[in-house]
Amino acid sequence: TCRREAPAVAEVTASYAGEVTILGVAGRDNIEASQAFVTELGVEKIDHLFDDADVWSRFGVTSQPSWAFINDDGTIDVKFGRLGADGLMTAIADLEAR
């Protein structure tokens, strides 16, 4: 599922460059496999970290893809499942409007 979502994430990252920080959090594989995934899908411009389940558990994430949107005042909105580019942009706009 994350493989299908990667192009949307890359598109949104480019659209919001300098305005929104997108951070990929991998936790279902080892570091080498995660790095290979990033390279293969061409999403190197997105910052990534490898999680030992600590970050995922803080946001109640149990599957990928999942999204934790956090605005400047600390408001958090977690969404689960594929969003696509339009869904990601809508979620960002909703969070900005709060």
PDB file of N, CA and C in Angstrom:
ATOM      1  N   THR A   1       0.825  -1.193   0.000  1.00  0.00           N
ATOM      2  CA  THR A   1       0.000   0.000   0.000  1.00  0.00           C
ATOM      3  C   THR A   1       0.867   1.254   0.000  1.00  0.00           C
ATOM      4  N   CYS A   2       1.913   1.303   0.793  1.00  0.00           N
ATOM      5  CA  CYS A   2       2.778   2.484   0.835  1.00  0.00           C
ATOM      6  C   CYS A   2       3.445   2.719  -0.507  1.00  0.00           C
ATOM      7  N   ARG A   3       3.717   1.653  -1.214  1.00  0.00           N
ATOM      8  CA  ARG A   3       4.330   1.752  -2.539  1.00  0.00           C
ATOM      9  C   ARG A   3       3.421   2.559  -3.472  1.00  0.00           C
ATOM     10  N   ARG A   4       2.110   2.356  -3.381  1.00  0.00           N
ATOM     11  CA  ARG A   4       1.163   3.103  -4.227  1.00  0.00           C
ATOM     12  C   ARG A   4       1.019   4.544  -3.764  1.00  0.00           C
ATOM     13  N   GLU A   5       1.268   4.809  -2.515  1.00  0.00           N
ATOM     14  CA  GLU A   5       1.090   6.153  -1.963  1.00  0.00           C
ATOM     15  C   GLU A   5       2.320   7.041  -2.188  1.00  0.00           C
ATOM     16  N   ALA A   6       3.483   6.458  -2.437  1.00  0.00           N
ATOM     17  CA  ALA A   6       4.725   7.218  -2.556  1.00  0.00           C
ATOM     18  C   ALA A   6       4.675   8.323  -3.616  1.00  0.00           C
ATOM     19  N   PRO A   7       4.147   8.079  -4.823  1.00  0.00           N
ATOM     20  CA  PRO A   7       4.100   9.174  -5.803  1.00  0.00           C
ATOM     21  C   PRO A   7       3.265  10.369  -5.315  1.00  0.00           C
ATOM     22  N   ALA A   8       2.186  10.110  -4.602  1.00  0.00           N
ATOM     23  CA  ALA A   8       1.363  11.194  -4.060  1.00  0.00           C
ATOM     24  C   ALA A   8       2.139  11.985  -3.018  1.00  0.00           C
ATOM     25  N   VAL A   9       2.884  11.285  -2.185  1.00  0.00           N
ATOM     26  CA  VAL A   9       3.679  11.955  -1.154  1.00  0.00           C
ATOM     27  C   VAL A   9       4.741  12.833  -1.811  1.00  0.00           C
ATOM     28  N   ALA A  10       5.389  12.332  -2.840  1.00  0.00           N
ATOM     29  CA  ALA A  10       6.399  13.115  -3.552  1.00  0.00           C
ATOM     30  C   ALA A  10       5.770  14.356  -4.183  1.00  0.00           C
ATOM     31  N   GLU A  11       4.583  14.207  -4.766  1.00  0.00           N
ATOM     32  CA  GLU A  11       3.880  15.338  -5.387  1.00  0.00           C
ATOM     33  C   GLU A  11       3.527  16.404  -4.357  1.00  0.00           C
ATOM     34  N   VAL A  12       2.990  15.981  -3.234  1.00  0.00           N
ATOM     35  CA  VAL A  12       2.594  16.930  -2.187  1.00  0.00           C
ATOM     36  C   VAL A  12       3.825  17.593  -1.579  1.00  0.00           C
ATOM     37  N   THR A  13       4.903  16.841  -1.403  1.00  0.00           N
ATOM     38  CA  THR A  13       6.142  17.414  -0.877  1.00  0.00           C
ATOM     39  C   THR A  13       6.624  18.540  -1.782  1.00  0.00           C
ATOM     40  N   ALA A  14       6.587  18.324  -3.077  1.00  0.00           N
ATOM     41  CA  ALA A  14       7.015  19.354  -4.028  1.00  0.00           C
ATOM     42  C   ALA A  14       6.068  20.554  -4.000  1.00  0.00           C
ATOM     43  N   SER A  15       4.775  20.302  -3.891  1.00  0.00           N
ATOM     44  CA  SER A  15       3.775  21.385  -3.883  1.00  0.00           C
ATOM     45  C   SER A  15       3.897  22.278  -2.664  1.00  0.00           C
ATOM     46  N   TYR A  16       4.282  21.708  -1.536  1.00  0.00           N
ATOM     47  CA  TYR A  16       4.341  22.446  -0.276  1.00  0.00           C
ATOM     48  C   TYR A  16       5.770  22.712   0.192  1.00  0.00           C
ATOM     49  N   ALA A  17       6.720  22.657  -0.726  1.00  0.00           N
ATOM     50  CA  ALA A  17       8.129  22.873  -0.365  1.00  0.00           C
ATOM     51  C   ALA A  17       8.282  24.204   0.372  1.00  0.00           C
ATOM     52  N   GLY A  18       8.941  24.154   1.516  1.00  0.00           N
ATOM     53  CA  GLY A  18       9.155  25.345   2.315  1.00  0.00           C
ATOM     54  C   GLY A  18       8.003  25.711   3.229  1.00  0.00           C
ATOM     55  N   GLU A  19       6.852  25.057   3.064  1.00  0.00           N
ATOM     56  CA  GLU A  19       5.680  25.355   3.878  1.00  0.00           C
ATOM     57  C   GLU A  19       5.339  24.231   4.845  1.00  0.00           C
ATOM     58  N   VAL A  20       5.500  23.006   4.381  1.00  0.00           N
ATOM     59  CA  VAL A  20       5.115  21.817   5.146  1.00  0.00           C
ATOM     60  C   VAL A  20       6.294  20.857   5.162  1.00  0.00           C
ATOM     61  N   THR A  21       6.547  20.264   6.303  1.00  0.00           N
ATOM     62  CA  THR A  21       7.588  19.246   6.398  1.00  0.00           C
ATOM     63  C   THR A  21       6.917  17.882   6.412  1.00  0.00           C
ATOM     64  N   ILE A  22       7.334  17.040   5.503  1.00  0.00           N
ATOM     65  CA  ILE A  22       6.823  15.674   5.457  1.00  0.00           C
ATOM     66  C   ILE A  22       7.965  14.757   5.856  1.00  0.00           C
ATOM     67  N   LEU A  23       7.682  13.893   6.807  1.00  0.00           N
ATOM     68  CA  LEU A  23       8.683  12.972   7.331  1.00  0.00           C
ATOM     69  C   LEU A  23       8.145  11.551   7.203  1.00  0.00           C
ATOM     70  N   GLY A  24       8.870  10.701   6.506  1.00  0.00           N
ATOM     71  CA  GLY A  24       8.505   9.296   6.396  1.00  0.00           C
ATOM     72  C   GLY A  24       9.024   8.535   7.597  1.00  0.00           C
ATOM     73  N   VAL A  25       8.179   7.699   8.168  1.00  0.00           N
ATOM     74  CA  VAL A  25       8.577   6.904   9.329  1.00  0.00           C
ATOM     75  C   VAL A  25       8.393   5.430   8.986  1.00  0.00           C
ATOM     76  N   ALA A  26       9.501   4.737   8.802  1.00  0.00           N
ATOM     77  CA  ALA A  26       9.467   3.314   8.467  1.00  0.00           C
ATOM     78  C   ALA A  26       9.606   2.489   9.734  1.00  0.00           C
ATOM     79  N   GLY A  27       8.898   1.384   9.785  1.00  0.00           N
ATOM     80  CA  GLY A  27       9.006   0.555  10.970  1.00  0.00           C
ATOM     81  C   GLY A  27       8.655  -0.895  10.765  1.00  0.00           C
ATOM     82  N   ARG A  28       8.428  -1.305   9.558  1.00  0.00           N
ATOM     83  CA  ARG A  28       8.032  -2.684   9.290  1.00  0.00           C
ATOM     84  C   ARG A  28       9.151  -3.533   8.713  1.00  0.00           C
ATOM     85  N   ASP A  29      10.335  -2.969   8.584  1.00  0.00           N
ATOM     86  CA  ASP A  29      11.430  -3.682   7.941  1.00  0.00           C
ATOM     87  C   ASP A  29      12.731  -3.249   8.590  1.00  0.00           C
ATOM     88  N   ASN A  30      13.846  -3.673   8.036  1.00  0.00           N
ATOM     89  CA  ASN A  30      15.128  -3.219   8.564  1.00  0.00           C
ATOM     90  C   ASN A  30      15.551  -1.939   7.848  1.00  0.00           C
ATOM     91  N   ILE A  31      16.578  -1.300   8.357  1.00  0.00           N
ATOM     92  CA  ILE A  31      17.012  -0.014   7.817  1.00  0.00           C
ATOM     93  C   ILE A  31      17.425  -0.128   6.356  1.00  0.00           C
ATOM     94  N   GLU A  32      18.159  -1.170   6.013  1.00  0.00           N
ATOM     95  CA  GLU A  32      18.623  -1.338   4.634  1.00  0.00           C
ATOM     96  C   GLU A  32      17.451  -1.470   3.670  1.00  0.00           C
ATOM     97  N   ALA A  33      16.445  -2.246   4.022  1.00  0.00           N
ATOM     98  CA  ALA A  33      15.269  -2.410   3.168  1.00  0.00           C
ATOM     99  C   ALA A  33      14.506  -1.096   3.051  1.00  0.00           C
ATOM    100  N   SER A  34      14.432  -0.348   4.126  1.00  0.00           N
ATOM    101  CA  SER A  34      13.753   0.949   4.099  1.00  0.00           C
ATOM    102  C   SER A  34      14.478   1.919   3.180  1.00  0.00           C
ATOM    103  N   GLN A  35      15.809   1.937   3.249  1.00  0.00           N
ATOM    104  CA  GLN A  35      16.588   2.806   2.378  1.00  0.00           C
ATOM    105  C   GLN A  35      16.422   2.412   0.913  1.00  0.00           C
ATOM    106  N   ALA A  36      16.385   1.121   0.645  1.00  0.00           N
ATOM    107  CA  ALA A  36      16.180   0.636  -0.727  1.00  0.00           C
ATOM    108  C   ALA A  36      14.812   1.060  -1.248  1.00  0.00           C
ATOM    109  N   PHE A  37      13.794   1.011  -0.403  1.00  0.00           N
ATOM    110  CA  PHE A  37      12.440   1.430  -0.757  1.00  0.00           C
ATOM    111  C   PHE A  37      12.440   2.908  -1.161  1.00  0.00           C
ATOM    112  N   VAL A  38      13.087   3.746  -0.381  1.00  0.00           N
ATOM    113  CA  VAL A  38      13.154   5.184  -0.650  1.00  0.00           C
ATOM    114  C   VAL A  38      13.832   5.437  -1.994  1.00  0.00           C
ATOM    115  N   THR A  39      14.943   4.773  -2.237  1.00  0.00           N
ATOM    116  CA  THR A  39      15.674   4.941  -3.484  1.00  0.00           C
ATOM    117  C   THR A  39      14.873   4.433  -4.674  1.00  0.00           C
ATOM    118  N   GLU A  40      14.305   3.249  -4.538  1.00  0.00           N
ATOM    119  CA  GLU A  40      13.533   2.645  -5.629  1.00  0.00           C
ATOM    120  C   GLU A  40      12.361   3.516  -6.057  1.00  0.00           C
ATOM    121  N   LEU A  41      11.682   4.120  -5.098  1.00  0.00           N
ATOM    122  CA  LEU A  41      10.486   4.906  -5.415  1.00  0.00           C
ATOM    123  C   LEU A  41      10.788   6.374  -5.672  1.00  0.00           C
ATOM    124  N   GLY A  42      12.037   6.765  -5.557  1.00  0.00           N
ATOM    125  CA  GLY A  42      12.428   8.124  -5.888  1.00  0.00           C
ATOM    126  C   GLY A  42      11.906   9.181  -4.925  1.00  0.00           C
ATOM    127  N   VAL A  43      11.805   8.837  -3.655  1.00  0.00           N
ATOM    128  CA  VAL A  43      11.316   9.804  -2.668  1.00  0.00           C
ATOM    129  C   VAL A  43      12.446  10.243  -1.726  1.00  0.00           C
ATOM    130  N   GLU A  44      13.649  10.389  -2.300  1.00  0.00           N
ATOM    131  CA  GLU A  44      14.801  10.781  -1.504  1.00  0.00           C
ATOM    132  C   GLU A  44      14.693  12.194  -0.948  1.00  0.00           C
ATOM    133  N   LYS A  45      13.863  13.047  -1.574  1.00  0.00           N
ATOM    134  CA  LYS A  45      13.733  14.431  -1.111  1.00  0.00           C
ATOM    135  C   LYS A  45      12.893  14.534   0.161  1.00  0.00           C
ATOM    136  N   ILE A  46      12.275  13.458   0.553  1.00  0.00           N
ATOM    137  CA  ILE A  46      11.495  13.417   1.782  1.00  0.00           C
ATOM    138  C   ILE A  46      12.402  12.874   2.878  1.00  0.00           C
ATOM    139  N   ASP A  47      12.422  13.549   4.023  1.00  0.00           N
ATOM    140  CA  ASP A  47      13.205  13.035   5.146  1.00  0.00           C
ATOM    141  C   ASP A  47      12.559  11.766   5.681  1.00  0.00           C
ATOM    142  N   HIS A  48      13.382  10.806   6.059  1.00  0.00           N
ATOM    143  CA  HIS A  48      12.903   9.525   6.572  1.00  0.00           C
ATOM    144  C   HIS A  48      13.626   9.162   7.853  1.00  0.00           C
ATOM    145  N   LEU A  49      12.944   8.439   8.696  1.00  0.00           N
ATOM    146  CA  LEU A  49      13.583   7.863   9.872  1.00  0.00           C
ATOM    147  C   LEU A  49      13.065   6.455  10.056  1.00  0.00           C
ATOM    148  N   PHE A  50      13.875   5.656  10.724  1.00  0.00           N
ATOM    149  CA  PHE A  50      13.485   4.284  11.011  1.00  0.00           C
ATOM    150  C   PHE A  50      12.991   4.226  12.443  1.00  0.00           C
ATOM    151  N   ASP A  51      11.828   3.645  12.646  1.00  0.00           N
ATOM    152  CA  ASP A  51      11.171   3.629  13.951  1.00  0.00           C
ATOM    153  C   ASP A  51      11.184   2.228  14.537  1.00  0.00           C
ATOM    154  N   ASP A  52      11.472   2.137  15.798  1.00  0.00           N
ATOM    155  CA  ASP A  52      11.412   0.846  16.490  1.00  0.00           C
ATOM    156  C   ASP A  52      10.040   0.644  17.134  1.00  0.00           C
ATOM    157  N   ALA A  53       9.038   1.339  16.614  1.00  0.00           N
ATOM    158  CA  ALA A  53       7.632   1.302  17.035  1.00  0.00           C
ATOM    159  C   ALA A  53       7.304   2.372  18.070  1.00  0.00           C
ATOM    160  N   ASP A  54       8.287   3.135  18.526  1.00  0.00           N
ATOM    161  CA  ASP A  54       8.018   4.179  19.504  1.00  0.00           C
ATOM    162  C   ASP A  54       7.165   5.298  18.900  1.00  0.00           C
ATOM    163  N   VAL A  55       7.563   5.809  17.748  1.00  0.00           N
ATOM    164  CA  VAL A  55       6.808   6.883  17.098  1.00  0.00           C
ATOM    165  C   VAL A  55       5.426   6.377  16.718  1.00  0.00           C
ATOM    166  N   TRP A  56       5.374   5.200  16.102  1.00  0.00           N
ATOM    167  CA  TRP A  56       4.085   4.654  15.688  1.00  0.00           C
ATOM    168  C   TRP A  56       3.135   4.531  16.878  1.00  0.00           C
ATOM    169  N   SER A  57       3.625   4.013  17.995  1.00  0.00           N
ATOM    170  CA  SER A  57       2.748   3.799  19.147  1.00  0.00           C
ATOM    171  C   SER A  57       2.260   5.115  19.737  1.00  0.00           C
ATOM    172  N   ARG A  58       3.072   6.149  19.692  1.00  0.00           N
ATOM    173  CA  ARG A  58       2.646   7.462  20.211  1.00  0.00           C
ATOM    174  C   ARG A  58       1.438   8.011  19.459  1.00  0.00           C
ATOM    175  N   PHE A  59       1.307   7.637  18.193  1.00  0.00           N
ATOM    176  CA  PHE A  59       0.204   8.134  17.381  1.00  0.00           C
ATOM    177  C   PHE A  59      -0.868   7.070  17.135  1.00  0.00           C
ATOM    178  N   GLY A  60      -0.750   5.911  17.744  1.00  0.00           N
ATOM    179  CA  GLY A  60      -1.748   4.862  17.590  1.00  0.00           C
ATOM    180  C   GLY A  60      -1.723   4.187  16.230  1.00  0.00           C
ATOM    181  N   VAL A  61      -0.583   4.235  15.554  1.00  0.00           N
ATOM    182  CA  VAL A  61      -0.449   3.656  14.224  1.00  0.00           C
ATOM    183  C   VAL A  61      -0.182   2.163  14.337  1.00  0.00           C
ATOM    184  N   THR A  62      -0.977   1.376  13.623  1.00  0.00           N
ATOM    185  CA  THR A  62      -0.794  -0.071  13.620  1.00  0.00           C
ATOM    186  C   THR A  62      -0.580  -0.633  12.219  1.00  0.00           C
ATOM    187  N   SER A  63      -0.742   0.212  11.205  1.00  0.00           N
ATOM    188  CA  SER A  63      -0.558  -0.250   9.832  1.00  0.00           C
ATOM    189  C   SER A  63      -0.123   0.922   8.958  1.00  0.00           C
ATOM    190  N   GLN A  64       0.393   0.578   7.792  1.00  0.00           N
ATOM    191  CA  GLN A  64       0.796   1.584   6.827  1.00  0.00           C
ATOM    192  C   GLN A  64      -0.128   1.528   5.633  1.00  0.00           C
ATOM    193  N   PRO A  65      -0.406   2.621   4.973  1.00  0.00           N
ATOM    194  CA  PRO A  65       0.014   3.960   5.354  1.00  0.00           C
ATOM    195  C   PRO A  65      -0.889   4.539   6.443  1.00  0.00           C
ATOM    196  N   SER A  66      -0.297   5.336   7.262  1.00  0.00           N
ATOM    197  CA  SER A  66      -0.995   6.117   8.272  1.00  0.00           C
ATOM    198  C   SER A  66      -0.346   7.488   8.280  1.00  0.00           C
ATOM    199  N   TRP A  67      -1.089   8.463   8.736  1.00  0.00           N
ATOM    200  CA  TRP A  67      -0.632   9.845   8.666  1.00  0.00           C
ATOM    201  C   TRP A  67      -0.875  10.546   9.987  1.00  0.00           C
ATOM    202  N   ALA A  68       0.119  11.247  10.488  1.00  0.00           N
ATOM    203  CA  ALA A  68      -0.048  12.108  11.662  1.00  0.00           C
ATOM    204  C   ALA A  68       0.263  13.523  11.199  1.00  0.00           C
ATOM    205  N   PHE A  69      -0.753  14.349  11.145  1.00  0.00           N
ATOM    206  CA  PHE A  69      -0.602  15.744  10.744  1.00  0.00           C
ATOM    207  C   PHE A  69      -0.493  16.572  12.015  1.00  0.00           C
ATOM    208  N   ILE A  70       0.557  17.378  12.115  1.00  0.00           N
ATOM    209  CA  ILE A  70       0.799  18.179  13.315  1.00  0.00           C
ATOM    210  C   ILE A  70       1.023  19.617  12.875  1.00  0.00           C
ATOM    211  N   ASN A  71       0.205  20.541  13.410  1.00  0.00           N
ATOM    212  CA  ASN A  71       0.421  21.934  13.021  1.00  0.00           C
ATOM    213  C   ASN A  71       1.307  22.647  14.036  1.00  0.00           C
ATOM    214  N   ASP A  72       1.566  23.923  13.809  1.00  0.00           N
ATOM    215  CA  ASP A  72       2.513  24.684  14.630  1.00  0.00           C
ATOM    216  C   ASP A  72       2.131  24.764  16.099  1.00  0.00           C
ATOM    217  N   ASP A  73       0.829  24.707  16.415  1.00  0.00           N
ATOM    218  CA  ASP A  73       0.426  24.801  17.819  1.00  0.00           C
ATOM    219  C   ASP A  73       0.342  23.436  18.491  1.00  0.00           C
ATOM    220  N   GLY A  74       0.729  22.384  17.767  1.00  0.00           N
ATOM    221  CA  GLY A  74       0.750  21.041  18.342  1.00  0.00           C
ATOM    222  C   GLY A  74      -0.518  20.235  18.124  1.00  0.00           C
ATOM    223  N   THR A  75      -1.501  20.804  17.415  1.00  0.00           N
ATOM    224  CA  THR A  75      -2.715  20.058  17.098  1.00  0.00           C
ATOM    225  C   THR A  75      -2.345  18.873  16.218  1.00  0.00           C
ATOM    226  N   ILE A  76      -2.853  17.686  16.583  1.00  0.00           N
ATOM    227  CA  ILE A  76      -2.534  16.456  15.861  1.00  0.00           C
ATOM    228  C   ILE A  76      -3.805  15.853  15.301  1.00  0.00           C
ATOM    229  N   ASP A  77      -3.740  15.434  14.045  1.00  0.00           N
ATOM    230  CA  ASP A  77      -4.846  14.746  13.398  1.00  0.00           C
ATOM    231  C   ASP A  77      -4.266  13.495  12.738  1.00  0.00           C
ATOM    232  N   VAL A  78      -4.663  12.317  13.202  1.00  0.00           N
ATOM    233  CA  VAL A  78      -4.156  11.063  12.657  1.00  0.00           C
ATOM    234  C   VAL A  78      -5.188  10.469  11.712  1.00  0.00           C
ATOM    235  N   LYS A  79      -4.723  10.066  10.541  1.00  0.00           N
ATOM    236  CA  LYS A  79      -5.592   9.428   9.542  1.00  0.00           C
ATOM    237  C   LYS A  79      -4.945   8.108   9.141  1.00  0.00           C
ATOM    238  N   PHE A  80      -5.779   7.142   8.840  1.00  0.00           N
ATOM    239  CA  PHE A  80      -5.302   5.803   8.488  1.00  0.00           C
ATOM    240  C   PHE A  80      -5.723   5.460   7.072  1.00  0.00           C
ATOM    241  N   GLY A  81      -4.831   4.802   6.338  1.00  0.00           N
ATOM    242  CA  GLY A  81      -5.138   4.351   4.984  1.00  0.00           C
ATOM    243  C   GLY A  81      -4.628   5.311   3.928  1.00  0.00           C
ATOM    244  N   ARG A  82      -4.827   4.921   2.674  1.00  0.00           N
ATOM    245  CA  ARG A  82      -4.386   5.722   1.540  1.00  0.00           C
ATOM    246  C   ARG A  82      -5.185   7.010   1.458  1.00  0.00           C
ATOM    247  N   LEU A  83      -4.478   8.103   1.164  1.00  0.00           N
ATOM    248  CA  LEU A  83      -5.143   9.386   0.975  1.00  0.00           C
ATOM    249  C   LEU A  83      -4.968   9.922  -0.434  1.00  0.00           C
ATOM    250  N   GLY A  84      -3.897   9.537  -1.102  1.00  0.00           N
ATOM    251  CA  GLY A  84      -3.618  10.107  -2.415  1.00  0.00           C
ATOM    252  C   GLY A  84      -3.244  11.570  -2.280  1.00  0.00           C
ATOM    253  N   ALA A  85      -2.830  12.173  -3.383  1.00  0.00           N
ATOM    254  CA  ALA A  85      -2.400  13.574  -3.350  1.00  0.00           C
ATOM    255  C   ALA A  85      -3.528  14.488  -2.905  1.00  0.00           C
ATOM    256  N   ASP A  86      -4.727  14.303  -3.447  1.00  0.00           N
ATOM    257  CA  ASP A  86      -5.851  15.167  -3.083  1.00  0.00           C
ATOM    258  C   ASP A  86      -6.189  15.046  -1.602  1.00  0.00           C
ATOM    259  N   GLY A  87      -6.193  13.832  -1.083  1.00  0.00           N
ATOM    260  CA  GLY A  87      -6.495  13.623   0.326  1.00  0.00           C
ATOM    261  C   GLY A  87      -5.440  14.221   1.232  1.00  0.00           C
ATOM    262  N   LEU A  88      -4.178  14.110   0.839  1.00  0.00           N
ATOM    263  CA  LEU A  88      -3.102  14.705   1.628  1.00  0.00           C
ATOM    264  C   LEU A  88      -3.232  16.227   1.646  1.00  0.00           C
ATOM    265  N   MET A  89      -3.496  16.818   0.485  1.00  0.00           N
ATOM    266  CA  MET A  89      -3.640  18.270   0.421  1.00  0.00           C
ATOM    267  C   MET A  89      -4.862  18.750   1.204  1.00  0.00           C
ATOM    268  N   THR A  90      -5.938  17.984   1.167  1.00  0.00           N
ATOM    269  CA  THR A  90      -7.125  18.333   1.955  1.00  0.00           C
ATOM    270  C   THR A  90      -6.826  18.275   3.440  1.00  0.00           C
ATOM    271  N   ALA A  91      -6.145  17.235   3.879  1.00  0.00           N
ATOM    272  CA  ALA A  91      -5.800  17.094   5.300  1.00  0.00           C
ATOM    273  C   ALA A  91      -4.894  18.241   5.752  1.00  0.00           C
ATOM    274  N   ILE A  92      -3.950  18.631   4.914  1.00  0.00           N
ATOM    275  CA  ILE A  92      -3.070  19.746   5.254  1.00  0.00           C
ATOM    276  C   ILE A  92      -3.874  21.036   5.347  1.00  0.00           C
ATOM    277  N   ALA A  93      -4.750  21.275   4.384  1.00  0.00           N
ATOM    278  CA  ALA A  93      -5.589  22.486   4.404  1.00  0.00           C
ATOM    279  C   ALA A  93      -6.499  22.509   5.627  1.00  0.00           C
ATOM    280  N   ASP A  94      -7.069  21.373   5.979  1.00  0.00           N
ATOM    281  CA  ASP A  94      -7.938  21.291   7.174  1.00  0.00           C
ATOM    282  C   ASP A  94      -7.158  21.638   8.430  1.00  0.00           C
ATOM    283  N   LEU A  95      -5.938  21.139   8.536  1.00  0.00           N
ATOM    284  CA  LEU A  95      -5.133  21.391   9.719  1.00  0.00           C
ATOM    285  C   LEU A  95      -4.698  22.866   9.767  1.00  0.00           C
ATOM    286  N   GLU A  96      -4.366  23.427   8.618  1.00  0.00           N
ATOM    287  CA  GLU A  96      -3.980  24.843   8.552  1.00  0.00           C
ATOM    288  C   GLU A  96      -5.140  25.753   8.965  1.00  0.00           C
ATOM    289  N   ALA A  97      -6.378  25.316   8.681  1.00  0.00           N
ATOM    290  CA  ALA A  97      -7.564  26.132   8.964  1.00  0.00           C
ATOM    291  C   ALA A  97      -7.901  26.151  10.448  1.00  0.00           C
ATOM    292  N   ARG A  98      -7.328  25.280  11.226  1.00  0.00           N
ATOM    293  CA  ARG A  98      -7.644  25.232  12.669  1.00  0.00           C
ATOM    294  C   ARG A  98      -6.966  26.327  13.424  1.00  0.00           C
TER     295      ARG A  98
END
